[in-house]
Amino acid sequence: MITFGERLQVSRKSKNLTQKQMSIKFNMTERAYRAYENNTSTPHFTNFIALSDFFGVSLDYLVGRTDVPEVNKKK
């Protein structure tokens, strides 16, 4: 199964962003962001939500529970 860090890296690269740009966007050090992609640290829940909103994907997709990126929103 794909890990959160791998999914995060794929999502970041799909938007042609660097780790530095992501760290600035999410107001953290580049080292802290890099730790997410290396699976040595996990974000706080609110950061998980912010990352999934930024990439327009579901939390389940971001953490590797599904390969379907679409968000299932209430109507």
PDB file of N, CA and C in Angstrom:
ATOM      1  N   MET A   1       0.847  -1.179   0.000  1.00  0.00           N
ATOM      2  CA  MET A   1       0.000   0.000   0.000  1.00  0.00           C
ATOM      3  C   MET A   1       0.893   1.243   0.000  1.00  0.00           C
ATOM      4  N   ILE A   2       0.458   2.229  -0.714  1.00  0.00           N
ATOM      5  CA  ILE A   2       1.201   3.492  -0.787  1.00  0.00           C
ATOM      6  C   ILE A   2       1.114   4.218   0.563  1.00  0.00           C
ATOM      7  N   THR A   3       2.197   4.856   0.941  1.00  0.00           N
ATOM      8  CA  THR A   3       2.222   5.561   2.218  1.00  0.00           C
ATOM      9  C   THR A   3       1.776   7.012   2.041  1.00  0.00           C
ATOM     10  N   PHE A   4       1.471   7.635   3.168  1.00  0.00           N
ATOM     11  CA  PHE A   4       1.111   9.053   3.151  1.00  0.00           C
ATOM     12  C   PHE A   4       2.217   9.880   2.506  1.00  0.00           C
ATOM     13  N   GLY A   5       3.452   9.638   2.891  1.00  0.00           N
ATOM     14  CA  GLY A   5       4.570  10.406   2.348  1.00  0.00           C
ATOM     15  C   GLY A   5       4.699  10.277   0.845  1.00  0.00           C
ATOM     16  N   GLU A   6       4.521   9.047   0.355  1.00  0.00           N
ATOM     17  CA  GLU A   6       4.587   8.831  -1.096  1.00  0.00           C
ATOM     18  C   GLU A   6       3.452   9.559  -1.809  1.00  0.00           C
ATOM     19  N   ARG A   7       2.261   9.462  -1.245  1.00  0.00           N
ATOM     20  CA  ARG A   7       1.097  10.123  -1.853  1.00  0.00           C
ATOM     21  C   ARG A   7       1.270  11.641  -1.827  1.00  0.00           C
ATOM     22  N   LEU A   8       1.819  12.144  -0.735  1.00  0.00           N
ATOM     23  CA  LEU A   8       2.052  13.582  -0.615  1.00  0.00           C
ATOM     24  C   LEU A   8       3.065  14.046  -1.658  1.00  0.00           C
ATOM     25  N   GLN A   9       4.116  13.279  -1.827  1.00  0.00           N
ATOM     26  CA  GLN A   9       5.141  13.638  -2.805  1.00  0.00           C
ATOM     27  C   GLN A   9       4.572  13.625  -4.232  1.00  0.00           C
ATOM     28  N   VAL A  10       3.805  12.607  -4.570  1.00  0.00           N
ATOM     29  CA  VAL A  10       3.180  12.527  -5.897  1.00  0.00           C
ATOM     30  C   VAL A  10       2.255  13.718  -6.113  1.00  0.00           C
ATOM     31  N   SER A  11       1.465  14.047  -5.104  1.00  0.00           N
ATOM     32  CA  SER A  11       0.531  15.174  -5.208  1.00  0.00           C
ATOM     33  C   SER A  11       1.278  16.487  -5.390  1.00  0.00           C
ATOM     34  N   ARG A  12       2.343  16.660  -4.620  1.00  0.00           N
ATOM     35  CA  ARG A  12       3.147  17.891  -4.731  1.00  0.00           C
ATOM     36  C   ARG A  12       3.759  18.019  -6.124  1.00  0.00           C
ATOM     37  N   LYS A  13       4.338  16.936  -6.603  1.00  0.00           N
ATOM     38  CA  LYS A  13       4.988  16.963  -7.915  1.00  0.00           C
ATOM     39  C   LYS A  13       3.987  17.173  -9.043  1.00  0.00           C
ATOM     40  N   SER A  14       2.743  16.704  -8.844  1.00  0.00           N
ATOM     41  CA  SER A  14       1.720  16.897  -9.883  1.00  0.00           C
ATOM     42  C   SER A  14       1.394  18.374 -10.065  1.00  0.00           C
ATOM     43  N   LYS A  15       1.675  19.179  -9.048  1.00  0.00           N
ATOM     44  CA  LYS A  15       1.458  20.627  -9.127  1.00  0.00           C
ATOM     45  C   LYS A  15       2.766  21.382  -9.397  1.00  0.00           C
ATOM     46  N   ASN A  16       3.826  20.625  -9.684  1.00  0.00           N
ATOM     47  CA  ASN A  16       5.138  21.220  -9.980  1.00  0.00           C
ATOM     48  C   ASN A  16       5.625  22.150  -8.873  1.00  0.00           C
ATOM     49  N   LEU A  17       5.461  21.701  -7.634  1.00  0.00           N
ATOM     50  CA  LEU A  17       5.902  22.483  -6.484  1.00  0.00           C
ATOM     51  C   LEU A  17       7.100  21.813  -5.823  1.00  0.00           C
ATOM     52  N   THR A  18       7.944  22.620  -5.219  1.00  0.00           N
ATOM     53  CA  THR A  18       9.086  22.094  -4.476  1.00  0.00           C
ATOM     54  C   THR A  18       8.691  21.907  -3.011  1.00  0.00           C
ATOM     55  N   GLN A  19       9.522  21.182  -2.288  1.00  0.00           N
ATOM     56  CA  GLN A  19       9.292  21.041  -0.860  1.00  0.00           C
ATOM     57  C   GLN A  19       9.385  22.402  -0.181  1.00  0.00           C
ATOM     58  N   LYS A  20      10.281  23.233  -0.642  1.00  0.00           N
ATOM     59  CA  LYS A  20      10.430  24.589  -0.082  1.00  0.00           C
ATOM     60  C   LYS A  20       9.137  25.382  -0.273  1.00  0.00           C
ATOM     61  N   GLN A  21       8.564  25.341  -1.470  1.00  0.00           N
ATOM     62  CA  GLN A  21       7.321  26.062  -1.734  1.00  0.00           C
ATOM     63  C   GLN A  21       6.180  25.553  -0.852  1.00  0.00           C
ATOM     64  N   MET A  22       6.129  24.247  -0.650  1.00  0.00           N
ATOM     65  CA  MET A  22       5.091  23.680   0.211  1.00  0.00           C
ATOM     66  C   MET A  22       5.290  24.118   1.658  1.00  0.00           C
ATOM     67  N   SER A  23       6.527  24.145   2.108  1.00  0.00           N
ATOM     68  CA  SER A  23       6.784  24.555   3.491  1.00  0.00           C
ATOM     69  C   SER A  23       6.372  26.003   3.714  1.00  0.00           C
ATOM     70  N   ILE A  24       6.599  26.849   2.732  1.00  0.00           N
ATOM     71  CA  ILE A  24       6.189  28.249   2.833  1.00  0.00           C
ATOM     72  C   ILE A  24       4.659  28.342   2.826  1.00  0.00           C
ATOM     73  N   LYS A  25       4.024  27.620   1.921  1.00  0.00           N
ATOM     74  CA  LYS A  25       2.562  27.634   1.802  1.00  0.00           C
ATOM     75  C   LYS A  25       1.892  27.212   3.111  1.00  0.00           C
ATOM     76  N   PHE A  26       2.488  26.225   3.807  1.00  0.00           N
ATOM     77  CA  PHE A  26       1.884  25.696   5.020  1.00  0.00           C
ATOM     78  C   PHE A  26       2.574  26.183   6.291  1.00  0.00           C
ATOM     79  N   ASN A  27       3.369  27.244   6.143  1.00  0.00           N
ATOM     80  CA  ASN A  27       3.979  27.933   7.276  1.00  0.00           C
ATOM     81  C   ASN A  27       4.732  26.986   8.218  1.00  0.00           C
ATOM     82  N   MET A  28       5.663  26.242   7.635  1.00  0.00           N
ATOM     83  CA  MET A  28       6.488  25.328   8.418  1.00  0.00           C
ATOM     84  C   MET A  28       7.896  25.321   7.835  1.00  0.00           C
ATOM     85  N   THR A  29       8.802  24.717   8.552  1.00  0.00           N
ATOM     86  CA  THR A  29      10.160  24.626   8.019  1.00  0.00           C
ATOM     87  C   THR A  29      10.184  23.598   6.894  1.00  0.00           C
ATOM     88  N   GLU A  30      11.147  23.752   6.022  1.00  0.00           N
ATOM     89  CA  GLU A  30      11.301  22.776   4.943  1.00  0.00           C
ATOM     90  C   GLU A  30      11.615  21.398   5.532  1.00  0.00           C
ATOM     91  N   ARG A  31      12.373  21.385   6.593  1.00  0.00           N
ATOM     92  CA  ARG A  31      12.718  20.118   7.253  1.00  0.00           C
ATOM     93  C   ARG A  31      11.464  19.413   7.775  1.00  0.00           C
ATOM     94  N   ALA A  32      10.547  20.173   8.359  1.00  0.00           N
ATOM     95  CA  ALA A  32       9.301  19.587   8.870  1.00  0.00           C
ATOM     96  C   ALA A  32       8.469  19.020   7.724  1.00  0.00           C
ATOM     97  N   TYR A  33       8.385  19.749   6.617  1.00  0.00           N
ATOM     98  CA  TYR A  33       7.628  19.251   5.472  1.00  0.00           C
ATOM     99  C   TYR A  33       8.287  18.001   4.895  1.00  0.00           C
ATOM    100  N   ARG A  34       9.601  18.036   4.767  1.00  0.00           N
ATOM    101  CA  ARG A  34      10.342  16.897   4.235  1.00  0.00           C
ATOM    102  C   ARG A  34      10.097  15.643   5.086  1.00  0.00           C
ATOM    103  N   ALA A  35       9.970  15.821   6.386  1.00  0.00           N
ATOM    104  CA  ALA A  35       9.708  14.685   7.284  1.00  0.00           C
ATOM    105  C   ALA A  35       8.364  14.029   6.961  1.00  0.00           C
ATOM    106  N   TYR A  36       7.385  14.803   6.520  1.00  0.00           N
ATOM    107  CA  TYR A  36       6.111  14.227   6.092  1.00  0.00           C
ATOM    108  C   TYR A  36       6.330  13.296   4.899  1.00  0.00           C
ATOM    109  N   GLU A  37       7.055  13.789   3.901  1.00  0.00           N
ATOM    110  CA  GLU A  37       7.280  12.989   2.697  1.00  0.00           C
ATOM    111  C   GLU A  37       8.169  11.779   2.975  1.00  0.00           C
ATOM    112  N   ASN A  38       9.022  11.871   3.966  1.00  0.00           N
ATOM    113  CA  ASN A  38       9.903  10.756   4.327  1.00  0.00           C
ATOM    114  C   ASN A  38       9.254   9.793   5.315  1.00  0.00           C
ATOM    115  N   ASN A  39       8.017  10.068   5.692  1.00  0.00           N
ATOM    116  CA  ASN A  39       7.282   9.248   6.653  1.00  0.00           C
ATOM    117  C   ASN A  39       7.973   9.144   8.013  1.00  0.00           C
ATOM    118  N   THR A  40       8.686  10.194   8.391  1.00  0.00           N
ATOM    119  CA  THR A  40       9.305  10.213   9.719  1.00  0.00           C
ATOM    120  C   THR A  40       8.517  11.095  10.675  1.00  0.00           C
ATOM    121  N   SER A  41       7.494  11.766  10.148  1.00  0.00           N
ATOM    122  CA  SER A  41       6.610  12.599  10.954  1.00  0.00           C
ATOM    123  C   SER A  41       5.247  12.638  10.267  1.00  0.00           C
ATOM    124  N   THR A  42       4.216  12.821  11.063  1.00  0.00           N
ATOM    125  CA  THR A  42       2.879  12.954  10.492  1.00  0.00           C
ATOM    126  C   THR A  42       2.283  14.283  10.927  1.00  0.00           C
ATOM    127  N   PRO A  43       1.497  14.888  10.054  1.00  0.00           N
ATOM    128  CA  PRO A  43       0.904  16.179  10.390  1.00  0.00           C
ATOM    129  C   PRO A  43      -0.173  16.066  11.458  1.00  0.00           C
ATOM    130  N   HIS A  44      -0.420  17.165  12.104  1.00  0.00           N
ATOM    131  CA  HIS A  44      -1.570  17.300  12.997  1.00  0.00           C
ATOM    132  C   HIS A  44      -2.816  17.176  12.124  1.00  0.00           C
ATOM    133  N   PHE A  45      -3.907  16.760  12.709  1.00  0.00           N
ATOM    134  CA  PHE A  45      -5.137  16.535  11.955  1.00  0.00           C
ATOM    135  C   PHE A  45      -5.544  17.738  11.111  1.00  0.00           C
ATOM    136  N   THR A  46      -5.418  18.938  11.662  1.00  0.00           N
ATOM    137  CA  THR A  46      -5.811  20.126  10.897  1.00  0.00           C
ATOM    138  C   THR A  46      -4.923  20.312   9.667  1.00  0.00           C
ATOM    139  N   ASN A  47      -3.670  19.909   9.759  1.00  0.00           N
ATOM    140  CA  ASN A  47      -2.790  19.990   8.586  1.00  0.00           C
ATOM    141  C   ASN A  47      -3.133  18.926   7.557  1.00  0.00           C
ATOM    142  N   PHE A  48      -3.581  17.747   8.020  1.00  0.00           N
ATOM    143  CA  PHE A  48      -4.062  16.735   7.081  1.00  0.00           C
ATOM    144  C   PHE A  48      -5.202  17.308   6.253  1.00  0.00           C
ATOM    145  N   ILE A  49      -6.131  17.961   6.920  1.00  0.00           N
ATOM    146  CA  ILE A  49      -7.280  18.549   6.224  1.00  0.00           C
ATOM    147  C   ILE A  49      -6.825  19.641   5.259  1.00  0.00           C
ATOM    148  N   ALA A  50      -5.922  20.504   5.713  1.00  0.00           N
ATOM    149  CA  ALA A  50      -5.424  21.584   4.859  1.00  0.00           C
ATOM    150  C   ALA A  50      -4.720  21.024   3.625  1.00  0.00           C
ATOM    151  N   LEU A  51      -3.940  19.977   3.787  1.00  0.00           N
ATOM    152  CA  LEU A  51      -3.251  19.367   2.646  1.00  0.00           C
ATOM    153  C   LEU A  51      -4.243  18.729   1.677  1.00  0.00           C
ATOM    154  N   SER A  52      -5.237  18.015   2.200  1.00  0.00           N
ATOM    155  CA  SER A  52      -6.211  17.389   1.297  1.00  0.00           C
ATOM    156  C   SER A  52      -7.036  18.450   0.575  1.00  0.00           C
ATOM    157  N   ASP A  53      -7.383  19.536   1.263  1.00  0.00           N
ATOM    158  CA  ASP A  53      -8.100  20.637   0.606  1.00  0.00           C
ATOM    159  C   ASP A  53      -7.234  21.289  -0.461  1.00  0.00           C
ATOM    160  N   PHE A  54      -5.968  21.508  -0.161  1.00  0.00           N
ATOM    161  CA  PHE A  54      -5.054  22.145  -1.106  1.00  0.00           C
ATOM    162  C   PHE A  54      -4.950  21.328  -2.399  1.00  0.00           C
ATOM    163  N   PHE A  55      -4.841  20.006  -2.255  1.00  0.00           N
ATOM    164  CA  PHE A  55      -4.702  19.150  -3.436  1.00  0.00           C
ATOM    165  C   PHE A  55      -6.052  18.744  -4.021  1.00  0.00           C
ATOM    166  N   GLY A  56      -7.142  19.051  -3.311  1.00  0.00           N
ATOM    167  CA  GLY A  56      -8.473  18.710  -3.817  1.00  0.00           C
ATOM    168  C   GLY A  56      -8.735  17.216  -3.811  1.00  0.00           C
ATOM    169  N   VAL A  57      -8.210  16.531  -2.810  1.00  0.00           N
ATOM    170  CA  VAL A  57      -8.374  15.082  -2.711  1.00  0.00           C
ATOM    171  C   VAL A  57      -8.942  14.735  -1.337  1.00  0.00           C
ATOM    172  N   SER A  58      -9.454  13.520  -1.214  1.00  0.00           N
ATOM    173  CA  SER A  58      -9.999  13.082   0.068  1.00  0.00           C
ATOM    174  C   SER A  58      -8.868  12.724   1.036  1.00  0.00           C
ATOM    175  N   LEU A  59      -9.182  12.735   2.309  1.00  0.00           N
ATOM    176  CA  LEU A  59      -8.211  12.301   3.325  1.00  0.00           C
ATOM    177  C   LEU A  59      -7.835  10.841   3.106  1.00  0.00           C
ATOM    178  N   ASP A  60      -8.819  10.002   2.760  1.00  0.00           N
ATOM    179  CA  ASP A  60      -8.525   8.585   2.518  1.00  0.00           C
ATOM    180  C   ASP A  60      -7.518   8.417   1.386  1.00  0.00           C
ATOM    181  N   TYR A  61      -7.649   9.205   0.343  1.00  0.00           N
ATOM    182  CA  TYR A  61      -6.698   9.147  -0.764  1.00  0.00           C
ATOM    183  C   TYR A  61      -5.309   9.581  -0.296  1.00  0.00           C
ATOM    184  N   LEU A  62      -5.269  10.672   0.425  1.00  0.00           N
ATOM    185  CA  LEU A  62      -3.991  11.223   0.861  1.00  0.00           C
ATOM    186  C   LEU A  62      -3.224  10.253   1.760  1.00  0.00           C
ATOM    187  N   VAL A  63      -3.927   9.522   2.594  1.00  0.00           N
ATOM    188  CA  VAL A  63      -3.235   8.595   3.498  1.00  0.00           C
ATOM    189  C   VAL A  63      -3.111   7.186   2.918  1.00  0.00           C
ATOM    190  N   GLY A  64      -3.544   7.000   1.670  1.00  0.00           N
ATOM    191  CA  GLY A  64      -3.331   5.729   0.987  1.00  0.00           C
ATOM    192  C   GLY A  64      -4.386   4.667   1.232  1.00  0.00           C
ATOM    193  N   ARG A  65      -5.545   5.038   1.772  1.00  0.00           N
ATOM    194  CA  ARG A  65      -6.615   4.066   2.022  1.00  0.00           C
ATOM    195  C   ARG A  65      -7.426   3.763   0.777  1.00  0.00           C
ATOM    196  N   THR A  66      -7.322   4.626  -0.220  1.00  0.00           N
ATOM    197  CA  THR A  66      -8.020   4.419  -1.486  1.00  0.00           C
ATOM    198  C   THR A  66      -7.188   5.034  -2.601  1.00  0.00           C
ATOM    199  N   ASP A  67      -7.409   4.560  -3.822  1.00  0.00           N
ATOM    200  CA  ASP A  67      -6.744   5.153  -4.973  1.00  0.00           C
ATOM    201  C   ASP A  67      -7.664   6.127  -5.703  1.00  0.00           C
ATOM    202  N   VAL A  68      -8.836   6.380  -5.142  1.00  0.00           N
ATOM    203  CA  VAL A  68      -9.811   7.301  -5.727  1.00  0.00           C
ATOM    204  C   VAL A  68      -9.623   8.658  -5.058  1.00  0.00           C
ATOM    205  N   PRO A  69      -9.124   9.648  -5.798  1.00  0.00           N
ATOM    206  CA  PRO A  69      -8.823  10.940  -5.189  1.00  0.00           C
ATOM    207  C   PRO A  69     -10.023  11.839  -4.914  1.00  0.00           C
ATOM    208  N   GLU A  70     -11.162  11.565  -5.537  1.00  0.00           N
ATOM    209  CA  GLU A  70     -12.312  12.458  -5.409  1.00  0.00           C
ATOM    210  C   GLU A  70     -12.798  12.556  -3.974  1.00  0.00           C
ATOM    211  N   VAL A  71     -13.198  13.761  -3.626  1.00  0.00           N
ATOM    212  CA  VAL A  71     -13.767  14.025  -2.308  1.00  0.00           C
ATOM    213  C   VAL A  71     -15.245  13.688  -2.361  1.00  0.00           C
ATOM    214  N   ASN A  72     -15.725  12.969  -1.376  1.00  0.00           N
ATOM    215  CA  ASN A  72     -17.134  12.603  -1.292  1.00  0.00           C
ATOM    216  C   ASN A  72     -17.831  13.642  -0.427  1.00  0.00           C
ATOM    217  N   LYS A  73     -18.385  14.669  -1.066  1.00  0.00           N
ATOM    218  CA  LYS A  73     -19.017  15.779  -0.335  1.00  0.00           C
ATOM    219  C   LYS A  73     -20.508  15.536  -0.201  1.00  0.00           C
ATOM    220  N   LYS A  74     -21.044  16.050   0.915  1.00  0.00           N
ATOM    221  CA  LYS A  74     -22.489  15.992   1.122  1.00  0.00           C
ATOM    222  C   LYS A  74     -23.172  16.928   0.148  1.00  0.00           C
ATOM    223  N   LYS A  75     -24.373  16.556  -0.265  1.00  0.00           N
ATOM    224  CA  LYS A  75     -25.116  17.377  -1.220  1.00  0.00           C
ATOM    225  C   LYS A  75     -26.076  18.266  -0.500  1.00  0.00           C
TER     226      LYS A  75
END
